[in-house]
Amino acid sequence: VAIEGSTKNVEIFDTAIAIMAGLMIIPAVFAFSGGDPDALQAGPALMFITLPKVFANMGFGTAVGILFFLLVLFAAVTSSIALTESAVSTFEDELGWNRKKATLVLAAISCLGYGPLANVTIIGMQFLDFFDFLTNSVMMPIAAIMICLLVSRAAGIKAVEAEVLHGEGTFRRKKIFCVMIKYICPIFAAIILISSVANAFGWISM
């Protein structure tokens, strides 16, 4: 009971810190962006133009900025390794390549994609951006919809409830879970899918 209580306290503390950070960062970013819409958007403009201005005008800003971008570097390296690993393992499993060959081929594709092959486009997108769009904006929403259908229709809520009750005394928020998994999640995943495809083909602008 004590461990469960302390875990809840940690979760509440982390949520409070995240909210406070958001409330402090958002006004600071807006103030130092000069109202420029491009600088307020997520991406290089926000990361490398607006945030350094924020750090330059705060106490111990230099140290905080160095620490922040060092953590960003670590996050980028670890994310790159994680993303590369899935593709390398696919080459190993499906094509029977050894790890070194799969890694070198993937590195060559990545380097060429934004180099000599940067002008190769599919439906108006650079081909690496196209595959990013295909996996993130098309395949992931479809997978989300299929998971919702699998859980709510194929497996059934009773099976989910039995699994939850295996380690807990009660199934808290069961009604909310049922509504989310049956209706809200599939609908919003479908909206994301349709809007992403429509935006890619220029039918709408996001």
N, C-alpha and C. Protein backbone atom coordinates (compact mmCIF):
# COMPACT_ATOMS: atom_id res chain seq x y z
N VAL A 1 0.83 -1.20 0.00
CA VAL A 1 0.00 0.00 0.00
C VAL A 1 0.87 1.25 0.00
N ALA A 2 1.94 1.22 0.81
CA ALA A 2 2.83 2.38 0.89
C ALA A 2 3.50 2.64 -0.45
N ILE A 3 3.93 1.55 -1.13
CA ILE A 3 4.58 1.69 -2.43
C ILE A 3 3.61 2.26 -3.45
N GLU A 4 2.35 1.76 -3.43
CA GLU A 4 1.34 2.25 -4.37
C GLU A 4 1.09 3.74 -4.14
N GLY A 5 1.01 4.13 -2.85
CA GLY A 5 0.78 5.53 -2.53
C GLY A 5 1.92 6.41 -2.99
N SER A 6 3.16 5.95 -2.79
CA SER A 6 4.32 6.74 -3.20
C SER A 6 4.39 6.86 -4.73
N THR A 7 4.00 5.78 -5.43
CA THR A 7 3.98 5.82 -6.90
C THR A 7 2.99 6.86 -7.40
N LYS A 8 1.81 6.89 -6.77
CA LYS A 8 0.81 7.88 -7.16
C LYS A 8 1.31 9.29 -6.90
N ASN A 9 2.01 9.47 -5.76
CA ASN A 9 2.55 10.79 -5.44
C ASN A 9 3.58 11.23 -6.48
N VAL A 10 4.42 10.29 -6.92
CA VAL A 10 5.42 10.60 -7.95
C VAL A 10 4.74 11.00 -9.25
N GLU A 11 3.68 10.25 -9.62
CA GLU A 11 2.96 10.57 -10.85
C GLU A 11 2.33 11.95 -10.77
N ILE A 12 1.73 12.28 -9.62
CA ILE A 12 1.12 13.59 -9.44
C ILE A 12 2.19 14.68 -9.50
N PHE A 13 3.34 14.42 -8.88
CA PHE A 13 4.44 15.39 -8.88
C PHE A 13 4.95 15.63 -10.30
N ASP A 14 5.16 14.54 -11.05
CA ASP A 14 5.64 14.66 -12.43
C ASP A 14 4.65 15.44 -13.29
N THR A 15 3.35 15.16 -13.11
CA THR A 15 2.32 15.87 -13.88
C THR A 15 2.33 17.35 -13.54
N ALA A 16 2.46 17.67 -12.25
CA ALA A 16 2.49 19.07 -11.83
C ALA A 16 3.70 19.79 -12.41
N ILE A 17 4.86 19.13 -12.40
CA ILE A 17 6.07 19.74 -12.95
C ILE A 17 5.90 19.98 -14.45
N ALA A 18 5.30 19.01 -15.18
CA ALA A 18 5.09 19.17 -16.62
C ALA A 18 4.17 20.34 -16.91
N ILE A 19 3.09 20.48 -16.11
CA ILE A 19 2.16 21.58 -16.30
C ILE A 19 2.84 22.92 -16.03
N MET A 20 3.60 22.98 -14.93
CA MET A 20 4.30 24.22 -14.58
C MET A 20 5.31 24.58 -15.66
N ALA A 21 6.04 23.59 -16.17
CA ALA A 21 7.02 23.85 -17.22
C ALA A 21 6.34 24.39 -18.47
N GLY A 22 5.20 23.78 -18.82
CA GLY A 22 4.45 24.25 -19.98
C GLY A 22 3.97 25.67 -19.80
N LEU A 23 3.48 25.99 -18.61
CA LEU A 23 2.97 27.34 -18.34
C LEU A 23 4.10 28.37 -18.37
N MET A 24 5.32 27.96 -18.03
CA MET A 24 6.44 28.89 -18.05
C MET A 24 7.08 28.99 -19.42
N ILE A 25 7.21 27.85 -20.12
CA ILE A 25 7.91 27.84 -21.40
C ILE A 25 7.10 28.51 -22.49
N ILE A 26 5.79 28.23 -22.54
CA ILE A 26 4.97 28.77 -23.62
C ILE A 26 4.97 30.29 -23.64
N PRO A 27 4.73 30.99 -22.48
CA PRO A 27 4.80 32.46 -22.52
C PRO A 27 6.19 32.99 -22.88
N ALA A 28 7.24 32.29 -22.39
CA ALA A 28 8.60 32.73 -22.68
C ALA A 28 8.91 32.62 -24.17
N VAL A 29 8.51 31.51 -24.77
CA VAL A 29 8.74 31.31 -26.20
C VAL A 29 7.99 32.36 -27.00
N PHE A 30 6.73 32.62 -26.61
CA PHE A 30 5.93 33.61 -27.32
C PHE A 30 6.55 35.00 -27.20
N ALA A 31 7.06 35.33 -26.02
CA ALA A 31 7.63 36.66 -25.78
C ALA A 31 8.88 36.89 -26.61
N PHE A 32 9.73 35.86 -26.71
CA PHE A 32 11.01 36.04 -27.40
C PHE A 32 10.95 35.68 -28.88
N SER A 33 9.78 35.24 -29.36
CA SER A 33 9.64 34.94 -30.79
C SER A 33 9.34 36.18 -31.59
N GLY A 34 8.95 37.26 -30.91
CA GLY A 34 8.58 38.47 -31.62
C GLY A 34 7.26 38.33 -32.35
N GLY A 35 6.47 37.31 -32.00
CA GLY A 35 5.19 37.09 -32.67
C GLY A 35 5.33 36.48 -34.04
N ASP A 36 6.54 36.05 -34.41
CA ASP A 36 6.76 35.45 -35.73
C ASP A 36 6.12 34.06 -35.77
N PRO A 37 5.13 33.82 -36.66
CA PRO A 37 4.47 32.51 -36.70
C PRO A 37 5.42 31.37 -36.99
N ASP A 38 6.44 31.63 -37.85
CA ASP A 38 7.40 30.57 -38.17
C ASP A 38 8.23 30.18 -36.95
N ALA A 39 8.56 31.17 -36.11
CA ALA A 39 9.37 30.88 -34.92
C ALA A 39 8.57 30.17 -33.85
N LEU A 40 7.24 30.33 -33.89
CA LEU A 40 6.40 29.68 -32.89
C LEU A 40 6.11 28.23 -33.23
N GLN A 41 6.34 27.84 -34.47
CA GLN A 41 6.08 26.46 -34.86
C GLN A 41 7.17 25.55 -34.33
N ALA A 42 6.80 24.28 -34.10
CA ALA A 42 7.79 23.31 -33.66
C ALA A 42 8.78 23.06 -34.78
N GLY A 43 10.02 22.78 -34.41
CA GLY A 43 11.02 22.48 -35.43
C GLY A 43 12.28 23.30 -35.22
N PRO A 44 13.10 23.43 -36.27
CA PRO A 44 14.39 24.12 -36.14
C PRO A 44 14.25 25.57 -35.67
N ALA A 45 13.21 26.30 -36.15
CA ALA A 45 13.07 27.70 -35.77
C ALA A 45 12.87 27.84 -34.26
N LEU A 46 12.01 26.98 -33.70
CA LEU A 46 11.77 27.04 -32.26
C LEU A 46 12.98 26.55 -31.48
N MET A 47 13.59 25.48 -31.94
CA MET A 47 14.70 24.86 -31.21
C MET A 47 15.97 25.71 -31.22
N PHE A 48 16.32 26.27 -32.40
CA PHE A 48 17.64 26.88 -32.53
C PHE A 48 17.61 28.40 -32.65
N ILE A 49 16.43 29.01 -32.67
CA ILE A 49 16.36 30.47 -32.74
C ILE A 49 15.67 31.04 -31.51
N THR A 50 14.46 30.56 -31.24
CA THR A 50 13.67 31.13 -30.15
C THR A 50 14.19 30.71 -28.78
N LEU A 51 14.40 29.41 -28.56
CA LEU A 51 14.83 28.94 -27.25
C LEU A 51 16.19 29.51 -26.82
N PRO A 52 17.18 29.64 -27.72
CA PRO A 52 18.42 30.30 -27.29
C PRO A 52 18.21 31.73 -26.80
N LYS A 53 17.23 32.44 -27.39
CA LYS A 53 16.91 33.79 -26.90
C LYS A 53 16.36 33.73 -25.48
N VAL A 54 15.54 32.72 -25.22
CA VAL A 54 14.99 32.55 -23.88
C VAL A 54 16.12 32.29 -22.89
N PHE A 55 17.04 31.38 -23.24
CA PHE A 55 18.14 31.05 -22.34
C PHE A 55 19.06 32.25 -22.11
N ALA A 56 19.24 33.08 -23.14
CA ALA A 56 20.14 34.22 -23.03
C ALA A 56 19.61 35.29 -22.08
N ASN A 57 18.32 35.25 -21.82
CA ASN A 57 17.72 36.29 -20.98
C ASN A 57 17.24 35.75 -19.63
N MET A 58 17.77 34.63 -19.21
CA MET A 58 17.39 34.08 -17.92
C MET A 58 18.63 33.85 -17.07
N GLY A 59 18.44 33.78 -15.76
CA GLY A 59 19.56 33.54 -14.88
C GLY A 59 20.20 32.19 -15.15
N PHE A 60 21.53 32.18 -15.16
CA PHE A 60 22.29 30.95 -15.47
C PHE A 60 21.86 30.36 -16.82
N GLY A 61 21.46 31.25 -17.74
CA GLY A 61 20.95 30.81 -19.04
C GLY A 61 21.97 30.03 -19.85
N THR A 62 23.24 30.44 -19.77
CA THR A 62 24.28 29.74 -20.54
C THR A 62 24.40 28.29 -20.09
N ALA A 63 24.46 28.08 -18.78
CA ALA A 63 24.58 26.72 -18.25
C ALA A 63 23.34 25.90 -18.57
N VAL A 64 22.17 26.52 -18.40
CA VAL A 64 20.92 25.82 -18.70
C VAL A 64 20.84 25.47 -20.18
N GLY A 65 21.25 26.41 -21.03
CA GLY A 65 21.22 26.16 -22.47
C GLY A 65 22.15 25.03 -22.88
N ILE A 66 23.36 25.04 -22.32
CA ILE A 66 24.31 23.96 -22.63
C ILE A 66 23.75 22.60 -22.21
N LEU A 67 23.20 22.56 -20.99
CA LEU A 67 22.61 21.31 -20.50
C LEU A 67 21.44 20.87 -21.37
N PHE A 68 20.59 21.83 -21.74
CA PHE A 68 19.42 21.51 -22.57
C PHE A 68 19.84 20.91 -23.90
N PHE A 69 20.75 21.56 -24.61
CA PHE A 69 21.14 21.07 -25.93
C PHE A 69 21.99 19.80 -25.84
N LEU A 70 22.69 19.60 -24.72
CA LEU A 70 23.39 18.34 -24.52
C LEU A 70 22.39 17.20 -24.37
N LEU A 71 21.31 17.45 -23.63
CA LEU A 71 20.26 16.44 -23.48
C LEU A 71 19.56 16.19 -24.82
N VAL A 72 19.37 17.25 -25.60
CA VAL A 72 18.77 17.09 -26.93
C VAL A 72 19.67 16.22 -27.80
N LEU A 73 20.98 16.44 -27.71
CA LEU A 73 21.93 15.62 -28.47
C LEU A 73 21.81 14.15 -28.09
N PHE A 74 21.78 13.87 -26.78
CA PHE A 74 21.64 12.49 -26.33
C PHE A 74 20.32 11.89 -26.81
N ALA A 75 19.25 12.69 -26.74
CA ALA A 75 17.95 12.20 -27.20
C ALA A 75 17.97 11.90 -28.69
N ALA A 76 18.63 12.75 -29.47
CA ALA A 76 18.70 12.55 -30.91
C ALA A 76 19.50 11.29 -31.26
N VAL A 77 20.64 11.11 -30.56
CA VAL A 77 21.48 9.93 -30.85
C VAL A 77 20.74 8.64 -30.48
N THR A 78 20.14 8.61 -29.30
CA THR A 78 19.44 7.39 -28.89
C THR A 78 18.22 7.12 -29.77
N SER A 79 17.52 8.18 -30.18
CA SER A 79 16.37 7.99 -31.08
C SER A 79 16.82 7.47 -32.43
N SER A 80 17.94 8.01 -32.93
CA SER A 80 18.47 7.55 -34.22
C SER A 80 18.84 6.08 -34.16
N ILE A 81 19.47 5.67 -33.06
CA ILE A 81 19.85 4.27 -32.91
C ILE A 81 18.60 3.39 -32.86
N ALA A 82 17.59 3.83 -32.10
CA ALA A 82 16.37 3.04 -31.98
C ALA A 82 15.64 2.92 -33.32
N LEU A 83 15.58 4.02 -34.08
CA LEU A 83 14.90 3.99 -35.38
C LEU A 83 15.69 3.14 -36.39
N THR A 84 17.01 3.24 -36.33
CA THR A 84 17.84 2.48 -37.26
C THR A 84 17.78 0.99 -36.95
N GLU A 85 17.69 0.65 -35.68
CA GLU A 85 17.72 -0.75 -35.27
C GLU A 85 16.57 -1.55 -35.87
N SER A 86 15.38 -0.96 -35.93
CA SER A 86 14.24 -1.69 -36.48
C SER A 86 14.45 -2.01 -37.96
N ALA A 87 15.00 -1.05 -38.71
CA ALA A 87 15.25 -1.29 -40.13
C ALA A 87 16.37 -2.31 -40.33
N VAL A 88 17.43 -2.20 -39.51
CA VAL A 88 18.55 -3.15 -39.61
C VAL A 88 18.08 -4.57 -39.30
N SER A 89 17.28 -4.72 -38.25
CA SER A 89 16.80 -6.05 -37.90
C SER A 89 15.88 -6.62 -38.98
N THR A 90 15.13 -5.74 -39.66
CA THR A 90 14.27 -6.20 -40.76
C THR A 90 15.11 -6.74 -41.91
N PHE A 91 16.20 -6.02 -42.26
CA PHE A 91 17.10 -6.49 -43.31
C PHE A 91 17.73 -7.83 -42.92
N GLU A 92 18.08 -7.96 -41.64
CA GLU A 92 18.69 -9.21 -41.18
C GLU A 92 17.71 -10.37 -41.26
N ASP A 93 16.48 -10.14 -40.82
CA ASP A 93 15.49 -11.22 -40.76
C ASP A 93 14.93 -11.59 -42.13
N GLU A 94 14.61 -10.57 -42.93
CA GLU A 94 13.93 -10.83 -44.20
C GLU A 94 14.89 -11.14 -45.35
N LEU A 95 16.06 -10.50 -45.35
CA LEU A 95 17.01 -10.69 -46.46
C LEU A 95 18.20 -11.56 -46.09
N GLY A 96 18.32 -11.89 -44.80
CA GLY A 96 19.42 -12.74 -44.38
C GLY A 96 20.77 -12.06 -44.36
N TRP A 97 20.79 -10.71 -44.34
CA TRP A 97 22.06 -9.99 -44.31
C TRP A 97 22.67 -10.03 -42.91
N ASN A 98 23.99 -9.88 -42.86
CA ASN A 98 24.61 -9.74 -41.55
C ASN A 98 24.44 -8.30 -41.06
N ARG A 99 24.72 -8.08 -39.81
CA ARG A 99 24.45 -6.77 -39.19
C ARG A 99 25.26 -5.65 -39.82
N LYS A 100 26.52 -5.91 -40.13
CA LYS A 100 27.38 -4.88 -40.70
C LYS A 100 26.87 -4.43 -42.06
N LYS A 101 26.51 -5.38 -42.92
CA LYS A 101 26.02 -5.06 -44.25
C LYS A 101 24.71 -4.28 -44.16
N ALA A 102 23.80 -4.73 -43.31
CA ALA A 102 22.51 -4.05 -43.18
C ALA A 102 22.68 -2.62 -42.69
N THR A 103 23.59 -2.42 -41.74
CA THR A 103 23.83 -1.08 -41.20
C THR A 103 24.44 -0.16 -42.25
N LEU A 104 25.41 -0.66 -43.02
CA LEU A 104 26.06 0.15 -44.04
C LEU A 104 25.08 0.53 -45.15
N VAL A 105 24.26 -0.42 -45.58
CA VAL A 105 23.27 -0.13 -46.64
C VAL A 105 22.27 0.91 -46.16
N LEU A 106 21.79 0.75 -44.95
CA LEU A 106 20.83 1.71 -44.41
C LEU A 106 21.46 3.09 -44.25
N ALA A 107 22.71 3.15 -43.80
CA ALA A 107 23.40 4.43 -43.67
C ALA A 107 23.57 5.09 -45.03
N ALA A 108 23.89 4.29 -46.05
CA ALA A 108 24.06 4.83 -47.41
C ALA A 108 22.74 5.40 -47.93
N ILE A 109 21.64 4.66 -47.70
CA ILE A 109 20.32 5.15 -48.14
C ILE A 109 19.98 6.46 -47.45
N SER A 110 20.24 6.54 -46.16
CA SER A 110 19.94 7.76 -45.40
C SER A 110 20.77 8.93 -45.89
N CYS A 111 22.07 8.70 -46.13
CA CYS A 111 22.94 9.78 -46.59
C CYS A 111 22.58 10.24 -48.00
N LEU A 112 22.29 9.27 -48.89
CA LEU A 112 21.93 9.63 -50.26
C LEU A 112 20.58 10.31 -50.33
N GLY A 113 19.70 9.95 -49.38
CA GLY A 113 18.34 10.50 -49.43
C GLY A 113 18.30 12.00 -49.34
N TYR A 114 19.13 12.57 -48.50
CA TYR A 114 19.18 14.02 -48.37
C TYR A 114 20.41 14.61 -49.05
N GLY A 115 21.03 13.81 -49.93
CA GLY A 115 22.18 14.27 -50.70
C GLY A 115 21.89 14.19 -52.19
N PRO A 116 22.58 13.28 -52.91
CA PRO A 116 22.38 13.18 -54.36
C PRO A 116 20.95 12.84 -54.77
N LEU A 117 20.21 12.14 -53.91
CA LEU A 117 18.84 11.73 -54.26
C LEU A 117 17.78 12.65 -53.66
N ALA A 118 18.20 13.84 -53.25
CA ALA A 118 17.26 14.76 -52.59
C ALA A 118 16.13 15.19 -53.53
N ASN A 119 16.38 15.16 -54.84
CA ASN A 119 15.36 15.61 -55.79
C ASN A 119 14.41 14.50 -56.22
N VAL A 120 14.64 13.28 -55.73
CA VAL A 120 13.73 12.18 -56.05
C VAL A 120 12.49 12.31 -55.17
N THR A 121 11.34 12.51 -55.79
CA THR A 121 10.12 12.77 -55.03
C THR A 121 9.02 11.77 -55.37
N ILE A 122 8.15 11.56 -54.42
CA ILE A 122 6.94 10.73 -54.59
C ILE A 122 5.77 11.56 -54.09
N ILE A 123 4.77 11.76 -54.95
CA ILE A 123 3.62 12.64 -54.71
C ILE A 123 4.06 13.97 -54.07
N GLY A 124 5.13 14.52 -54.65
CA GLY A 124 5.59 15.84 -54.23
C GLY A 124 6.46 15.85 -53.00
N MET A 125 6.75 14.70 -52.41
CA MET A 125 7.58 14.63 -51.21
C MET A 125 8.90 13.95 -51.52
N GLN A 126 9.98 14.45 -50.90
CA GLN A 126 11.26 13.78 -50.99
C GLN A 126 11.07 12.35 -50.49
N PHE A 127 11.71 11.37 -51.13
CA PHE A 127 11.29 9.99 -50.93
C PHE A 127 11.43 9.51 -49.49
N LEU A 128 12.43 10.01 -48.74
CA LEU A 128 12.51 9.64 -47.33
C LEU A 128 11.36 10.27 -46.54
N ASP A 129 11.00 11.51 -46.90
CA ASP A 129 9.85 12.14 -46.26
C ASP A 129 8.56 11.40 -46.58
N PHE A 130 8.50 10.84 -47.80
CA PHE A 130 7.32 10.07 -48.18
C PHE A 130 7.16 8.83 -47.30
N PHE A 131 8.26 8.12 -47.07
CA PHE A 131 8.18 6.93 -46.22
C PHE A 131 7.88 7.30 -44.77
N ASP A 132 8.38 8.46 -44.33
CA ASP A 132 8.03 8.95 -43.01
C ASP A 132 6.53 9.24 -42.93
N PHE A 133 6.00 9.88 -43.97
CA PHE A 133 4.56 10.15 -44.02
C PHE A 133 3.77 8.85 -44.07
N LEU A 134 4.25 7.89 -44.84
CA LEU A 134 3.54 6.62 -44.99
C LEU A 134 3.44 5.88 -43.66
N THR A 135 4.53 5.84 -42.91
CA THR A 135 4.52 5.10 -41.64
C THR A 135 3.81 5.86 -40.53
N ASN A 136 4.09 7.17 -40.41
CA ASN A 136 3.53 7.94 -39.29
C ASN A 136 2.10 8.37 -39.51
N SER A 137 1.77 8.82 -40.72
CA SER A 137 0.47 9.42 -40.96
C SER A 137 -0.55 8.47 -41.57
N VAL A 138 -0.10 7.35 -42.10
CA VAL A 138 -1.03 6.41 -42.73
C VAL A 138 -1.08 5.08 -41.96
N MET A 139 0.08 4.45 -41.83
CA MET A 139 0.11 3.12 -41.22
C MET A 139 -0.22 3.15 -39.72
N MET A 140 0.28 4.17 -39.00
CA MET A 140 0.01 4.22 -37.56
C MET A 140 -1.47 4.45 -37.24
N PRO A 141 -2.17 5.39 -37.91
CA PRO A 141 -3.62 5.49 -37.65
C PRO A 141 -4.38 4.23 -38.02
N ILE A 142 -4.00 3.58 -39.12
CA ILE A 142 -4.66 2.32 -39.50
C ILE A 142 -4.42 1.26 -38.43
N ALA A 143 -3.18 1.18 -37.94
CA ALA A 143 -2.87 0.21 -36.89
C ALA A 143 -3.66 0.52 -35.61
N ALA A 144 -3.81 1.81 -35.30
CA ALA A 144 -4.59 2.19 -34.12
C ALA A 144 -6.05 1.77 -34.25
N ILE A 145 -6.62 1.99 -35.44
CA ILE A 145 -8.01 1.58 -35.67
C ILE A 145 -8.16 0.07 -35.56
N MET A 146 -7.21 -0.67 -36.13
CA MET A 146 -7.27 -2.12 -36.09
C MET A 146 -7.13 -2.64 -34.65
N ILE A 147 -6.29 -2.00 -33.86
CA ILE A 147 -6.13 -2.41 -32.46
C ILE A 147 -7.42 -2.17 -31.69
N CYS A 148 -8.05 -1.03 -31.93
CA CYS A 148 -9.33 -0.74 -31.26
C CYS A 148 -10.37 -1.79 -31.62
N LEU A 149 -10.44 -2.15 -32.90
CA LEU A 149 -11.40 -3.17 -33.33
C LEU A 149 -11.05 -4.53 -32.75
N LEU A 150 -9.76 -4.84 -32.69
CA LEU A 150 -9.32 -6.13 -32.15
C LEU A 150 -9.70 -6.25 -30.68
N VAL A 151 -9.45 -5.17 -29.92
CA VAL A 151 -9.73 -5.20 -28.48
C VAL A 151 -11.22 -5.22 -28.21
N SER A 152 -11.97 -4.33 -28.91
CA SER A 152 -13.39 -4.18 -28.60
C SER A 152 -14.28 -5.23 -29.25
N ARG A 153 -13.89 -5.72 -30.43
CA ARG A 153 -14.76 -6.64 -31.17
C ARG A 153 -14.28 -8.09 -31.11
N ALA A 154 -13.00 -8.29 -31.43
CA ALA A 154 -12.49 -9.66 -31.49
C ALA A 154 -12.25 -10.24 -30.09
N ALA A 155 -11.41 -9.56 -29.31
CA ALA A 155 -11.13 -10.06 -27.95
C ALA A 155 -12.32 -9.85 -27.04
N GLY A 156 -12.92 -8.67 -27.12
CA GLY A 156 -14.08 -8.37 -26.28
C GLY A 156 -13.70 -7.71 -24.98
N ILE A 157 -14.59 -6.87 -24.50
CA ILE A 157 -14.33 -6.13 -23.27
C ILE A 157 -14.22 -7.07 -22.07
N LYS A 158 -15.00 -8.17 -22.08
CA LYS A 158 -14.96 -9.11 -20.96
C LYS A 158 -13.57 -9.72 -20.79
N ALA A 159 -12.92 -10.04 -21.91
CA ALA A 159 -11.57 -10.59 -21.84
C ALA A 159 -10.59 -9.56 -21.29
N VAL A 160 -10.76 -8.31 -21.72
CA VAL A 160 -9.90 -7.24 -21.20
C VAL A 160 -10.13 -7.07 -19.70
N GLU A 161 -11.39 -7.09 -19.29
CA GLU A 161 -11.73 -6.93 -17.89
C GLU A 161 -11.13 -8.07 -17.05
N ALA A 162 -11.20 -9.28 -17.57
CA ALA A 162 -10.63 -10.42 -16.85
C ALA A 162 -9.13 -10.28 -16.68
N GLU A 163 -8.47 -9.75 -17.70
CA GLU A 163 -7.02 -9.56 -17.63
C GLU A 163 -6.67 -8.47 -16.62
N VAL A 164 -7.47 -7.40 -16.60
CA VAL A 164 -7.22 -6.32 -15.65
C VAL A 164 -7.45 -6.80 -14.22
N LEU A 165 -8.54 -7.54 -14.00
CA LEU A 165 -8.87 -8.01 -12.67
C LEU A 165 -7.91 -9.08 -12.16
N HIS A 166 -7.09 -9.60 -13.07
CA HIS A 166 -6.12 -10.62 -12.66
C HIS A 166 -5.11 -10.05 -11.66
N GLY A 167 -4.80 -8.75 -11.80
CA GLY A 167 -3.83 -8.15 -10.89
C GLY A 167 -4.41 -7.04 -10.05
N GLU A 168 -5.67 -6.67 -10.29
CA GLU A 168 -6.30 -5.60 -9.55
C GLU A 168 -7.62 -6.08 -8.96
N GLY A 169 -8.09 -5.38 -7.94
CA GLY A 169 -9.37 -5.76 -7.34
C GLY A 169 -10.56 -5.29 -8.14
N THR A 170 -10.40 -4.14 -8.81
CA THR A 170 -11.50 -3.57 -9.59
C THR A 170 -10.97 -3.03 -10.90
N PHE A 171 -11.87 -2.91 -11.86
CA PHE A 171 -11.54 -2.32 -13.16
C PHE A 171 -12.00 -0.87 -13.11
N ARG A 172 -11.13 0.01 -12.69
CA ARG A 172 -11.49 1.41 -12.56
C ARG A 172 -11.72 2.04 -13.93
N ARG A 173 -12.70 2.91 -13.98
CA ARG A 173 -13.03 3.66 -15.20
C ARG A 173 -13.34 2.72 -16.37
N LYS A 174 -14.02 1.63 -16.09
CA LYS A 174 -14.36 0.68 -17.14
C LYS A 174 -15.26 1.32 -18.19
N LYS A 175 -16.23 2.10 -17.76
CA LYS A 175 -17.16 2.72 -18.70
C LYS A 175 -16.42 3.69 -19.64
N ILE A 176 -15.49 4.46 -19.05
CA ILE A 176 -14.72 5.39 -19.90
C ILE A 176 -13.87 4.62 -20.89
N PHE A 177 -13.25 3.54 -20.43
CA PHE A 177 -12.44 2.71 -21.31
C PHE A 177 -13.26 2.17 -22.47
N CYS A 178 -14.45 1.68 -22.18
CA CYS A 178 -15.31 1.10 -23.22
C CYS A 178 -15.68 2.14 -24.27
N VAL A 179 -16.05 3.32 -23.80
CA VAL A 179 -16.42 4.38 -24.74
C VAL A 179 -15.23 4.80 -25.59
N MET A 180 -14.07 4.92 -24.96
CA MET A 180 -12.86 5.33 -25.68
C MET A 180 -12.47 4.31 -26.73
N ILE A 181 -12.41 3.03 -26.33
CA ILE A 181 -11.90 2.00 -27.24
C ILE A 181 -12.90 1.67 -28.35
N LYS A 182 -14.19 1.85 -28.09
CA LYS A 182 -15.21 1.52 -29.09
C LYS A 182 -15.49 2.65 -30.07
N TYR A 183 -15.47 3.87 -29.56
CA TYR A 183 -15.94 4.98 -30.38
C TYR A 183 -14.91 6.09 -30.56
N ILE A 184 -14.45 6.67 -29.45
CA ILE A 184 -13.65 7.89 -29.55
C ILE A 184 -12.32 7.64 -30.24
N CYS A 185 -11.58 6.63 -29.81
CA CYS A 185 -10.25 6.37 -30.40
C CYS A 185 -10.32 6.03 -31.89
N PRO A 186 -11.21 5.12 -32.33
CA PRO A 186 -11.29 4.85 -33.77
C PRO A 186 -11.69 6.06 -34.59
N ILE A 187 -12.61 6.86 -34.05
CA ILE A 187 -13.07 8.04 -34.80
C ILE A 187 -11.94 9.04 -34.97
N PHE A 188 -11.21 9.32 -33.89
CA PHE A 188 -10.12 10.29 -33.98
C PHE A 188 -8.96 9.76 -34.81
N ALA A 189 -8.69 8.47 -34.74
CA ALA A 189 -7.64 7.89 -35.59
C ALA A 189 -8.02 8.01 -37.06
N ALA A 190 -9.30 7.79 -37.36
CA ALA A 190 -9.78 7.93 -38.74
C ALA A 190 -9.68 9.38 -39.21
N ILE A 191 -9.99 10.32 -38.32
CA ILE A 191 -9.87 11.75 -38.67
C ILE A 191 -8.41 12.10 -38.97
N ILE A 192 -7.49 11.60 -38.15
CA ILE A 192 -6.07 11.85 -38.38
C ILE A 192 -5.64 11.26 -39.72
N LEU A 193 -6.09 10.05 -40.02
CA LEU A 193 -5.73 9.40 -41.28
C LEU A 193 -6.25 10.19 -42.47
N ILE A 194 -7.53 10.53 -42.45
CA ILE A 194 -8.14 11.23 -43.58
C ILE A 194 -7.52 12.61 -43.78
N SER A 195 -7.34 13.35 -42.68
CA SER A 195 -6.78 14.69 -42.80
C SER A 195 -5.33 14.66 -43.27
N SER A 196 -4.55 13.67 -42.82
CA SER A 196 -3.15 13.57 -43.25
C SER A 196 -3.05 13.27 -44.74
N VAL A 197 -3.86 12.34 -45.22
CA VAL A 197 -3.85 12.00 -46.64
C VAL A 197 -4.33 13.19 -47.48
N ALA A 198 -5.40 13.85 -47.02
CA ALA A 198 -5.93 15.00 -47.74
C ALA A 198 -4.90 16.13 -47.80
N ASN A 199 -4.17 16.34 -46.71
CA ASN A 199 -3.14 17.37 -46.69
C ASN A 199 -1.99 17.01 -47.63
N ALA A 200 -1.63 15.73 -47.68
CA ALA A 200 -0.53 15.30 -48.56
C ALA A 200 -0.86 15.53 -50.04
N PHE A 201 -2.12 15.34 -50.39
CA PHE A 201 -2.52 15.52 -51.79
C PHE A 201 -2.98 16.95 -52.08
N GLY A 202 -2.89 17.84 -51.09
CA GLY A 202 -3.22 19.23 -51.31
C GLY A 202 -4.69 19.55 -51.30
N TRP A 203 -5.52 18.62 -50.84
CA TRP A 203 -6.96 18.88 -50.79
C TRP A 203 -7.31 19.83 -49.66
N ILE A 204 -6.57 19.79 -48.57
CA ILE A 204 -6.72 20.73 -47.47
C ILE A 204 -5.34 21.20 -47.06
N SER A 205 -5.28 22.22 -46.23
CA SER A 205 -4.00 22.76 -45.77
C SER A 205 -4.00 22.77 -44.25
N MET A 206 -2.98 22.14 -43.66
CA MET A 206 -2.86 22.09 -42.20
C MET A 206 -1.56 22.77 -41.77
